[in-house]
Amino acid sequence: MRTAPILALATALGLAACGSETEAQKEVGAQAEAIEESYDAEAELVESLAEGAPEAEQNAAEARAGDLRQQGDAEREHLESMADELDELKEPEQQGQQ
């Protein structure tokens, strides 16, 4: 269902492999932010669809929205962490080329 994180990661890894680490980090950051915003937008949609529903449904929607926001945060943090790891792997490689 969620292919965006996988596509973003593939794009980021490809850029990290062929571009400078600064460009790759910027791209990963942009992708991570877009993914998180997507989860936030989905959470807002879930909440808005539950407006006017019985209290139990509203509470369930709020819980689902909270889960979506947490998942978005986790995806962003994971992508940023992977970008940092790639940079750490590239540093010794770049030092060896100097």
PDB file of N, CA and C in Angstrom:
ATOM      1  N   MET A   1       0.821  -1.196   0.000  1.00  0.00           N
ATOM      2  CA  MET A   1       0.000   0.000   0.000  1.00  0.00           C
ATOM      3  C   MET A   1       0.862   1.255   0.000  1.00  0.00           C
ATOM      4  N   ARG A   2       1.910   1.264   0.769  1.00  0.00           N
ATOM      5  CA  ARG A   2       2.773   2.431   0.864  1.00  0.00           C
ATOM      6  C   ARG A   2       4.040   2.205   0.057  1.00  0.00           C
ATOM      7  N   THR A   3       4.012   2.592  -1.217  1.00  0.00           N
ATOM      8  CA  THR A   3       5.195   2.419  -2.061  1.00  0.00           C
ATOM      9  C   THR A   3       6.063   3.661  -2.064  1.00  0.00           C
ATOM     10  N   ALA A   4       5.530   4.794  -1.613  1.00  0.00           N
ATOM     11  CA  ALA A   4       6.303   6.038  -1.626  1.00  0.00           C
ATOM     12  C   ALA A   4       7.608   5.926  -0.838  1.00  0.00           C
ATOM     13  N   PRO A   5       7.616   5.356   0.383  1.00  0.00           N
ATOM     14  CA  PRO A   5       8.890   5.254   1.102  1.00  0.00           C
ATOM     15  C   PRO A   5       9.924   4.409   0.360  1.00  0.00           C
ATOM     16  N   ILE A   6       9.470   3.351  -0.293  1.00  0.00           N
ATOM     17  CA  ILE A   6      10.400   2.495  -1.024  1.00  0.00           C
ATOM     18  C   ILE A   6      10.958   3.228  -2.228  1.00  0.00           C
ATOM     19  N   LEU A   7      10.089   3.925  -2.967  1.00  0.00           N
ATOM     20  CA  LEU A   7      10.555   4.683  -4.123  1.00  0.00           C
ATOM     21  C   LEU A   7      11.487   5.819  -3.708  1.00  0.00           C
ATOM     22  N   ALA A   8      11.165   6.471  -2.612  1.00  0.00           N
ATOM     23  CA  ALA A   8      12.014   7.553  -2.127  1.00  0.00           C
ATOM     24  C   ALA A   8      13.383   7.032  -1.732  1.00  0.00           C
ATOM     25  N   LEU A   9      13.402   5.898  -1.068  1.00  0.00           N
ATOM     26  CA  LEU A   9      14.668   5.320  -0.653  1.00  0.00           C
ATOM     27  C   LEU A   9      15.498   4.930  -1.860  1.00  0.00           C
ATOM     28  N   ALA A  10      14.887   4.320  -2.863  1.00  0.00           N
ATOM     29  CA  ALA A  10      15.609   3.927  -4.072  1.00  0.00           C
ATOM     30  C   ALA A  10      16.182   5.152  -4.770  1.00  0.00           C
ATOM     31  N   THR A  11      15.400   6.203  -4.851  1.00  0.00           N
ATOM     32  CA  THR A  11      15.879   7.446  -5.457  1.00  0.00           C
ATOM     33  C   THR A  11      17.038   8.024  -4.669  1.00  0.00           C
ATOM     34  N   ALA A  12      16.878   8.053  -3.356  1.00  0.00           N
ATOM     35  CA  ALA A  12      17.925   8.617  -2.501  1.00  0.00           C
ATOM     36  C   ALA A  12      19.204   7.814  -2.593  1.00  0.00           C
ATOM     37  N   LEU A  13      19.102   6.492  -2.574  1.00  0.00           N
ATOM     38  CA  LEU A  13      20.296   5.659  -2.674  1.00  0.00           C
ATOM     39  C   LEU A  13      20.979   5.842  -4.020  1.00  0.00           C
ATOM     40  N   GLY A  14      20.193   5.976  -5.067  1.00  0.00           N
ATOM     41  CA  GLY A  14      20.771   6.215  -6.388  1.00  0.00           C
ATOM     42  C   GLY A  14      21.511   7.536  -6.448  1.00  0.00           C
ATOM     43  N   LEU A  15      20.935   8.562  -5.874  1.00  0.00           N
ATOM     44  CA  LEU A  15      21.594   9.866  -5.844  1.00  0.00           C
ATOM     45  C   LEU A  15      22.843   9.825  -4.969  1.00  0.00           C
ATOM     46  N   ALA A  16      22.774   9.118  -3.876  1.00  0.00           N
ATOM     47  CA  ALA A  16      23.923   9.029  -2.986  1.00  0.00           C
ATOM     48  C   ALA A  16      25.075   8.319  -3.673  1.00  0.00           C
ATOM     49  N   ALA A  17      24.762   7.364  -4.510  1.00  0.00           N
ATOM     50  CA  ALA A  17      25.803   6.605  -5.183  1.00  0.00           C
ATOM     51  C   ALA A  17      26.480   7.422  -6.279  1.00  0.00           C
ATOM     52  N   CYS A  18      25.752   8.324  -6.932  1.00  0.00           N
ATOM     53  CA  CYS A  18      26.346   9.029  -8.059  1.00  0.00           C
ATOM     54  C   CYS A  18      26.582  10.511  -7.804  1.00  0.00           C
ATOM     55  N   GLY A  19      26.014  11.080  -6.785  1.00  0.00           N
ATOM     56  CA  GLY A  19      26.174  12.500  -6.541  1.00  0.00           C
ATOM     57  C   GLY A  19      27.043  12.766  -5.333  1.00  0.00           C
ATOM     58  N   SER A  20      27.209  14.027  -5.035  1.00  0.00           N
ATOM     59  CA  SER A  20      27.967  14.369  -3.839  1.00  0.00           C
ATOM     60  C   SER A  20      27.089  14.104  -2.628  1.00  0.00           C
ATOM     61  N   GLU A  21      27.715  13.931  -1.479  1.00  0.00           N
ATOM     62  CA  GLU A  21      26.934  13.613  -0.292  1.00  0.00           C
ATOM     63  C   GLU A  21      25.988  14.741   0.085  1.00  0.00           C
ATOM     64  N   THR A  22      26.369  15.977  -0.190  1.00  0.00           N
ATOM     65  CA  THR A  22      25.505  17.101   0.131  1.00  0.00           C
ATOM     66  C   THR A  22      24.235  17.049  -0.702  1.00  0.00           C
ATOM     67  N   GLU A  23      24.366  16.803  -1.988  1.00  0.00           N
ATOM     68  CA  GLU A  23      23.192  16.704  -2.855  1.00  0.00           C
ATOM     69  C   GLU A  23      22.318  15.536  -2.434  1.00  0.00           C
ATOM     70  N   ALA A  24      22.936  14.420  -2.124  1.00  0.00           N
ATOM     71  CA  ALA A  24      22.182  13.240  -1.716  1.00  0.00           C
ATOM     72  C   ALA A  24      21.434  13.503  -0.413  1.00  0.00           C
ATOM     73  N   GLN A  25      22.100  14.146   0.526  1.00  0.00           N
ATOM     74  CA  GLN A  25      21.435  14.434   1.799  1.00  0.00           C
ATOM     75  C   GLN A  25      20.258  15.382   1.595  1.00  0.00           C
ATOM     76  N   LYS A  26      20.418  16.367   0.730  1.00  0.00           N
ATOM     77  CA  LYS A  26      19.316  17.289   0.453  1.00  0.00           C
ATOM     78  C   LYS A  26      18.146  16.543  -0.166  1.00  0.00           C
ATOM     79  N   GLU A  27      18.439  15.648  -1.100  1.00  0.00           N
ATOM     80  CA  GLU A  27      17.374  14.893  -1.754  1.00  0.00           C
ATOM     81  C   GLU A  27      16.673  13.968  -0.772  1.00  0.00           C
ATOM     82  N   VAL A  28      17.440  13.299   0.061  1.00  0.00           N
ATOM     83  CA  VAL A  28      16.838  12.415   1.061  1.00  0.00           C
ATOM     84  C   VAL A  28      15.980  13.239   2.018  1.00  0.00           C
ATOM     85  N   GLY A  29      16.466  14.384   2.429  1.00  0.00           N
ATOM     86  CA  GLY A  29      15.690  15.248   3.325  1.00  0.00           C
ATOM     87  C   GLY A  29      14.385  15.695   2.697  1.00  0.00           C
ATOM     88  N   ALA A  30      14.446  16.057   1.426  1.00  0.00           N
ATOM     89  CA  ALA A  30      13.230  16.479   0.736  1.00  0.00           C
ATOM     90  C   ALA A  30      12.244  15.326   0.600  1.00  0.00           C
ATOM     91  N   GLN A  31      12.761  14.153   0.240  1.00  0.00           N
ATOM     92  CA  GLN A  31      11.892  12.979   0.126  1.00  0.00           C
ATOM     93  C   GLN A  31      11.290  12.624   1.483  1.00  0.00           C
ATOM     94  N   ALA A  32      12.107  12.657   2.517  1.00  0.00           N
ATOM     95  CA  ALA A  32      11.633  12.311   3.861  1.00  0.00           C
ATOM     96  C   ALA A  32      10.541  13.280   4.311  1.00  0.00           C
ATOM     97  N   GLU A  33      10.740  14.548   4.027  1.00  0.00           N
ATOM     98  CA  GLU A  33       9.744  15.548   4.404  1.00  0.00           C
ATOM     99  C   GLU A  33       8.442  15.346   3.624  1.00  0.00           C
ATOM    100  N   ALA A  34       8.561  15.037   2.345  1.00  0.00           N
ATOM    101  CA  ALA A  34       7.366  14.803   1.526  1.00  0.00           C
ATOM    102  C   ALA A  34       6.589  13.582   2.021  1.00  0.00           C
ATOM    103  N   ILE A  35       7.307  12.548   2.398  1.00  0.00           N
ATOM    104  CA  ILE A  35       6.647  11.347   2.911  1.00  0.00           C
ATOM    105  C   ILE A  35       5.925  11.653   4.213  1.00  0.00           C
ATOM    106  N   GLU A  36       6.602  12.370   5.100  1.00  0.00           N
ATOM    107  CA  GLU A  36       5.968  12.723   6.375  1.00  0.00           C
ATOM    108  C   GLU A  36       4.725  13.587   6.143  1.00  0.00           C
ATOM    109  N   GLU A  37       4.811  14.535   5.224  1.00  0.00           N
ATOM    110  CA  GLU A  37       3.659  15.384   4.918  1.00  0.00           C
ATOM    111  C   GLU A  37       2.505  14.567   4.345  1.00  0.00           C
ATOM    112  N   SER A  38       2.833  13.531   3.584  1.00  0.00           N
ATOM    113  CA  SER A  38       1.806  12.655   3.033  1.00  0.00           C
ATOM    114  C   SER A  38       1.052  11.935   4.155  1.00  0.00           C
ATOM    115  N   TYR A  39       1.803  11.425   5.114  1.00  0.00           N
ATOM    116  CA  TYR A  39       1.164  10.770   6.263  1.00  0.00           C
ATOM    117  C   TYR A  39       0.314  11.770   7.049  1.00  0.00           C
ATOM    118  N   ASP A  40       0.820  12.984   7.231  1.00  0.00           N
ATOM    119  CA  ASP A  40       0.058  14.002   7.960  1.00  0.00           C
ATOM    120  C   ASP A  40      -1.239  14.346   7.233  1.00  0.00           C
ATOM    121  N   ALA A  41      -1.162  14.453   5.907  1.00  0.00           N
ATOM    122  CA  ALA A  41      -2.356  14.759   5.127  1.00  0.00           C
ATOM    123  C   ALA A  41      -3.376  13.622   5.227  1.00  0.00           C
ATOM    124  N   GLU A  42      -2.892  12.396   5.189  1.00  0.00           N
ATOM    125  CA  GLU A  42      -3.794  11.251   5.335  1.00  0.00           C
ATOM    126  C   GLU A  42      -4.442  11.254   6.719  1.00  0.00           C
ATOM    127  N   ALA A  43      -3.671  11.609   7.744  1.00  0.00           N
ATOM    128  CA  ALA A  43      -4.206  11.676   9.101  1.00  0.00           C
ATOM    129  C   ALA A  43      -5.306  12.738   9.195  1.00  0.00           C
ATOM    130  N   GLU A  44      -5.062  13.882   8.579  1.00  0.00           N
ATOM    131  CA  GLU A  44      -6.080  14.935   8.593  1.00  0.00           C
ATOM    132  C   GLU A  44      -7.344  14.490   7.872  1.00  0.00           C
ATOM    133  N   LEU A  45      -7.172  13.749   6.789  1.00  0.00           N
ATOM    134  CA  LEU A  45      -8.325  13.238   6.052  1.00  0.00           C
ATOM    135  C   LEU A  45      -9.131  12.266   6.906  1.00  0.00           C
ATOM    136  N   VAL A  46      -8.439  11.371   7.583  1.00  0.00           N
ATOM    137  CA  VAL A  46      -9.115  10.405   8.469  1.00  0.00           C
ATOM    138  C   VAL A  46      -9.910  11.151   9.530  1.00  0.00           C
ATOM    139  N   GLU A  47      -9.301  12.169  10.113  1.00  0.00           N
ATOM    140  CA  GLU A  47     -10.001  12.939  11.155  1.00  0.00           C
ATOM    141  C   GLU A  47     -11.196  13.690  10.584  1.00  0.00           C
ATOM    142  N   SER A  48     -11.036  14.292   9.425  1.00  0.00           N
ATOM    143  CA  SER A  48     -12.137  15.084   8.868  1.00  0.00           C
ATOM    144  C   SER A  48     -13.305  14.201   8.434  1.00  0.00           C
ATOM    145  N   LEU A  49     -12.999  12.986   7.964  1.00  0.00           N
ATOM    146  CA  LEU A  49     -14.081  12.075   7.580  1.00  0.00           C
ATOM    147  C   LEU A  49     -14.891  11.609   8.785  1.00  0.00           C
ATOM    148  N   ALA A  50     -14.292  11.654   9.951  1.00  0.00           N
ATOM    149  CA  ALA A  50     -14.991  11.208  11.159  1.00  0.00           C
ATOM    150  C   ALA A  50     -15.756  12.328  11.857  1.00  0.00           C
ATOM    151  N   GLU A  51     -15.624  13.546  11.367  1.00  0.00           N
ATOM    152  CA  GLU A  51     -16.349  14.660  11.992  1.00  0.00           C
ATOM    153  C   GLU A  51     -17.846  14.409  11.907  1.00  0.00           C
ATOM    154  N   GLY A  52     -18.524  14.612  13.000  1.00  0.00           N
ATOM    155  CA  GLY A  52     -19.969  14.428  13.059  1.00  0.00           C
ATOM    156  C   GLY A  52     -20.392  12.983  13.294  1.00  0.00           C
ATOM    157  N   ALA A  53     -19.434  12.085  13.309  1.00  0.00           N
ATOM    158  CA  ALA A  53     -19.744  10.674  13.577  1.00  0.00           C
ATOM    159  C   ALA A  53     -19.915  10.482  15.080  1.00  0.00           C
ATOM    160  N   PRO A  54     -20.435   9.343  15.474  1.00  0.00           N
ATOM    161  CA  PRO A  54     -20.531   9.060  16.907  1.00  0.00           C
ATOM    162  C   PRO A  54     -19.158   9.152  17.577  1.00  0.00           C
ATOM    163  N   GLU A  55     -19.172   9.455  18.857  1.00  0.00           N
ATOM    164  CA  GLU A  55     -17.934   9.694  19.597  1.00  0.00           C
ATOM    165  C   GLU A  55     -16.946   8.535  19.489  1.00  0.00           C
ATOM    166  N   ALA A  56     -17.439   7.320  19.526  1.00  0.00           N
ATOM    167  CA  ALA A  56     -16.551   6.156  19.434  1.00  0.00           C
ATOM    168  C   ALA A  56     -15.809   6.138  18.102  1.00  0.00           C
ATOM    169  N   GLU A  57     -16.501   6.481  17.019  1.00  0.00           N
ATOM    170  CA  GLU A  57     -15.864   6.525  15.700  1.00  0.00           C
ATOM    171  C   GLU A  57     -14.852   7.670  15.617  1.00  0.00           C
ATOM    172  N   GLN A  58     -15.198   8.795  16.222  1.00  0.00           N
ATOM    173  CA  GLN A  58     -14.262   9.926  16.234  1.00  0.00           C
ATOM    174  C   GLN A  58     -12.999   9.558  17.011  1.00  0.00           C
ATOM    175  N   ASN A  59     -13.173   8.898  18.136  1.00  0.00           N
ATOM    176  CA  ASN A  59     -12.017   8.483  18.934  1.00  0.00           C
ATOM    177  C   ASN A  59     -11.145   7.501  18.165  1.00  0.00           C
ATOM    178  N   ALA A  60     -11.769   6.570  17.475  1.00  0.00           N
ATOM    179  CA  ALA A  60     -11.017   5.598  16.671  1.00  0.00           C
ATOM    180  C   ALA A  60     -10.264   6.306  15.541  1.00  0.00           C
ATOM    181  N   ALA A  61     -10.909   7.288  14.927  1.00  0.00           N
ATOM    182  CA  ALA A  61     -10.269   8.042  13.848  1.00  0.00           C
ATOM    183  C   ALA A  61      -9.077   8.844  14.376  1.00  0.00           C
ATOM    184  N   GLU A  62      -9.249   9.429  15.546  1.00  0.00           N
ATOM    185  CA  GLU A  62      -8.141  10.184  16.140  1.00  0.00           C
ATOM    186  C   GLU A  62      -6.961   9.264  16.455  1.00  0.00           C
ATOM    187  N   ALA A  63      -7.256   8.073  16.931  1.00  0.00           N
ATOM    188  CA  ALA A  63      -6.185   7.110  17.217  1.00  0.00           C
ATOM    189  C   ALA A  63      -5.487   6.696  15.929  1.00  0.00           C
ATOM    190  N   ARG A  64      -6.271   6.434  14.886  1.00  0.00           N
ATOM    191  CA  ARG A  64      -5.684   6.057  13.580  1.00  0.00           C
ATOM    192  C   ARG A  64      -4.844   7.207  13.036  1.00  0.00           C
ATOM    193  N   ALA A  65      -5.329   8.421  13.164  1.00  0.00           N
ATOM    194  CA  ALA A  65      -4.586   9.586  12.692  1.00  0.00           C
ATOM    195  C   ALA A  65      -3.272   9.735  13.458  1.00  0.00           C
ATOM    196  N   GLY A  66      -3.324   9.512  14.752  1.00  0.00           N
ATOM    197  CA  GLY A  66      -2.094   9.564  15.549  1.00  0.00           C
ATOM    198  C   GLY A  66      -1.089   8.510  15.099  1.00  0.00           C
ATOM    199  N   ASP A  67      -1.596   7.307  14.806  1.00  0.00           N
ATOM    200  CA  ASP A  67      -0.717   6.251  14.306  1.00  0.00           C
ATOM    201  C   ASP A  67      -0.078   6.647  12.973  1.00  0.00           C
ATOM    202  N   LEU A  68      -0.870   7.246  12.101  1.00  0.00           N
ATOM    203  CA  LEU A  68      -0.338   7.677  10.804  1.00  0.00           C
ATOM    204  C   LEU A  68       0.757   8.731  10.979  1.00  0.00           C
ATOM    205  N   ARG A  69       0.530   9.675  11.876  1.00  0.00           N
ATOM    206  CA  ARG A  69       1.542  10.704  12.114  1.00  0.00           C
ATOM    207  C   ARG A  69       2.839  10.100  12.677  1.00  0.00           C
ATOM    208  N   GLN A  70       2.682   9.148  13.581  1.00  0.00           N
ATOM    209  CA  GLN A  70       3.866   8.484  14.134  1.00  0.00           C
ATOM    210  C   GLN A  70       4.604   7.697  13.059  1.00  0.00           C
ATOM    211  N   GLN A  71       3.854   7.055  12.185  1.00  0.00           N
ATOM    212  CA  GLN A  71       4.479   6.297  11.107  1.00  0.00           C
ATOM    213  C   GLN A  71       5.218   7.234  10.157  1.00  0.00           C
ATOM    214  N   GLY A  72       4.636   8.383   9.878  1.00  0.00           N
ATOM    215  CA  GLY A  72       5.300   9.377   9.031  1.00  0.00           C
ATOM    216  C   GLY A  72       6.601   9.856   9.660  1.00  0.00           C
ATOM    217  N   ASP A  73       6.562  10.118  10.963  1.00  0.00           N
ATOM    218  CA  ASP A  73       7.775  10.533  11.678  1.00  0.00           C
ATOM    219  C   ASP A  73       8.838   9.437  11.608  1.00  0.00           C
ATOM    220  N   ALA A  74       8.418   8.204  11.797  1.00  0.00           N
ATOM    221  CA  ALA A  74       9.360   7.085  11.779  1.00  0.00           C
ATOM    222  C   ALA A  74       9.986   6.909  10.394  1.00  0.00           C
ATOM    223  N   GLU A  75       9.187   7.057   9.351  1.00  0.00           N
ATOM    224  CA  GLU A  75       9.711   6.942   7.982  1.00  0.00           C
ATOM    225  C   GLU A  75      10.749   8.039   7.720  1.00  0.00           C
ATOM    226  N   ARG A  76      10.414   9.274   8.135  1.00  0.00           N
ATOM    227  CA  ARG A  76      11.345  10.393   7.938  1.00  0.00           C
ATOM    228  C   ARG A  76      12.651  10.133   8.678  1.00  0.00           C
ATOM    229  N   GLU A  77      12.550   9.741   9.937  1.00  0.00           N
ATOM    230  CA  GLU A  77      13.749   9.484  10.733  1.00  0.00           C
ATOM    231  C   GLU A  77      14.578   8.350  10.144  1.00  0.00           C
ATOM    232  N   HIS A  78      13.917   7.318   9.642  1.00  0.00           N
ATOM    233  CA  HIS A  78      14.629   6.186   9.045  1.00  0.00           C
ATOM    234  C   HIS A  78      15.397   6.614   7.793  1.00  0.00           C
ATOM    235  N   LEU A  79      14.745   7.381   6.936  1.00  0.00           N
ATOM    236  CA  LEU A  79      15.422   7.841   5.719  1.00  0.00           C
ATOM    237  C   LEU A  79      16.601   8.749   6.049  1.00  0.00           C
ATOM    238  N   GLU A  80      16.418   9.643   7.002  1.00  0.00           N
ATOM    239  CA  GLU A  80      17.510  10.535   7.389  1.00  0.00           C
ATOM    240  C   GLU A  80      18.656   9.740   8.006  1.00  0.00           C
ATOM    241  N   SER A  81      18.341   8.730   8.772  1.00  0.00           N
ATOM    242  CA  SER A  81      19.365   7.880   9.368  1.00  0.00           C
ATOM    243  C   SER A  81      20.147   7.135   8.286  1.00  0.00           C
ATOM    244  N   MET A  82      19.430   6.638   7.299  1.00  0.00           N
ATOM    245  CA  MET A  82      20.102   5.933   6.204  1.00  0.00           C
ATOM    246  C   MET A  82      21.015   6.878   5.427  1.00  0.00           C
ATOM    247  N   ALA A  83      20.593   8.113   5.245  1.00  0.00           N
ATOM    248  CA  ALA A  83      21.421   9.088   4.550  1.00  0.00           C
ATOM    249  C   ALA A  83      22.701   9.351   5.343  1.00  0.00           C
ATOM    250  N   ASP A  84      22.562   9.457   6.656  1.00  0.00           N
ATOM    251  CA  ASP A  84      23.746   9.662   7.500  1.00  0.00           C
ATOM    252  C   ASP A  84      24.695   8.471   7.396  1.00  0.00           C
ATOM    253  N   GLU A  85      24.136   7.255   7.396  1.00  0.00           N
ATOM    254  CA  GLU A  85      24.969   6.060   7.277  1.00  0.00           C
ATOM    255  C   GLU A  85      25.697   6.026   5.936  1.00  0.00           C
ATOM    256  N   LEU A  86      25.014   6.424   4.878  1.00  0.00           N
ATOM    257  CA  LEU A  86      25.658   6.457   3.562  1.00  0.00           C
ATOM    258  C   LEU A  86      26.810   7.450   3.543  1.00  0.00           C
ATOM    259  N   ASP A  87      26.591   8.596   4.168  1.00  0.00           N
ATOM    260  CA  ASP A  87      27.652   9.599   4.228  1.00  0.00           C
ATOM    261  C   ASP A  87      28.856   9.069   4.999  1.00  0.00           C
ATOM    262  N   GLU A  88      28.597   8.354   6.087  1.00  0.00           N
ATOM    263  CA  GLU A  88      29.690   7.782   6.872  1.00  0.00           C
ATOM    264  C   GLU A  88      30.461   6.749   6.054  1.00  0.00           C
ATOM    265  N   LEU A  89      29.757   5.994   5.235  1.00  0.00           N
ATOM    266  CA  LEU A  89      30.419   5.000   4.380  1.00  0.00           C
ATOM    267  C   LEU A  89      31.222   5.665   3.268  1.00  0.00           C
ATOM    268  N   LYS A  90      30.744   6.801   2.788  1.00  0.00           N
ATOM    269  CA  LYS A  90      31.432   7.495   1.703  1.00  0.00           C
ATOM    270  C   LYS A  90      32.679   8.225   2.182  1.00  0.00           C
ATOM    271  N   GLU A  91      32.701   8.671   3.437  1.00  0.00           N
ATOM    272  CA  GLU A  91      33.838   9.447   3.949  1.00  0.00           C
ATOM    273  C   GLU A  91      35.165   8.708   3.813  1.00  0.00           C
ATOM    274  N   PRO A  92      35.296   7.462   4.287  1.00  0.00           N
ATOM    275  CA  PRO A  92      36.573   6.764   4.125  1.00  0.00           C
ATOM    276  C   PRO A  92      36.924   6.559   2.649  1.00  0.00           C
ATOM    277  N   GLU A  93      35.913   6.337   1.844  1.00  0.00           N
ATOM    278  CA  GLU A  93      36.119   6.142   0.406  1.00  0.00           C
ATOM    279  C   GLU A  93      36.686   7.418  -0.211  1.00  0.00           C
ATOM    280  N   GLN A  94      36.118   8.565   0.168  1.00  0.00           N
ATOM    281  CA  GLN A  94      36.574   9.837  -0.377  1.00  0.00           C
ATOM    282  C   GLN A  94      37.966  10.184   0.149  1.00  0.00           C
ATOM    283  N   GLN A  95      38.250   9.852   1.388  1.00  0.00           N
ATOM    284  CA  GLN A  95      39.573  10.133   1.946  1.00  0.00           C
ATOM    285  C   GLN A  95      40.631   9.296   1.229  1.00  0.00           C
ATOM    286  N   GLY A  96      40.287   8.101   0.846  1.00  0.00           N
ATOM    287  CA  GLY A  96      41.211   7.235   0.138  1.00  0.00           C
ATOM    288  C   GLY A  96      41.517   7.752  -1.252  1.00  0.00           C
ATOM    289  N   GLN A  97      40.622   8.532  -1.833  1.00  0.00           N
ATOM    290  CA  GLN A  97      40.824   9.075  -3.176  1.00  0.00           C
ATOM    291  C   GLN A  97      41.664  10.337  -3.149  1.00  0.00           C
ATOM    292  N   GLN A  98      41.858  10.938  -2.000  1.00  0.00           N
ATOM    293  CA  GLN A  98      42.592  12.211  -1.918  1.00  0.00           C
ATOM    294  C   GLN A  98      44.064  12.002  -1.893  1.00  0.00           C
TER     295      GLN A  98
END
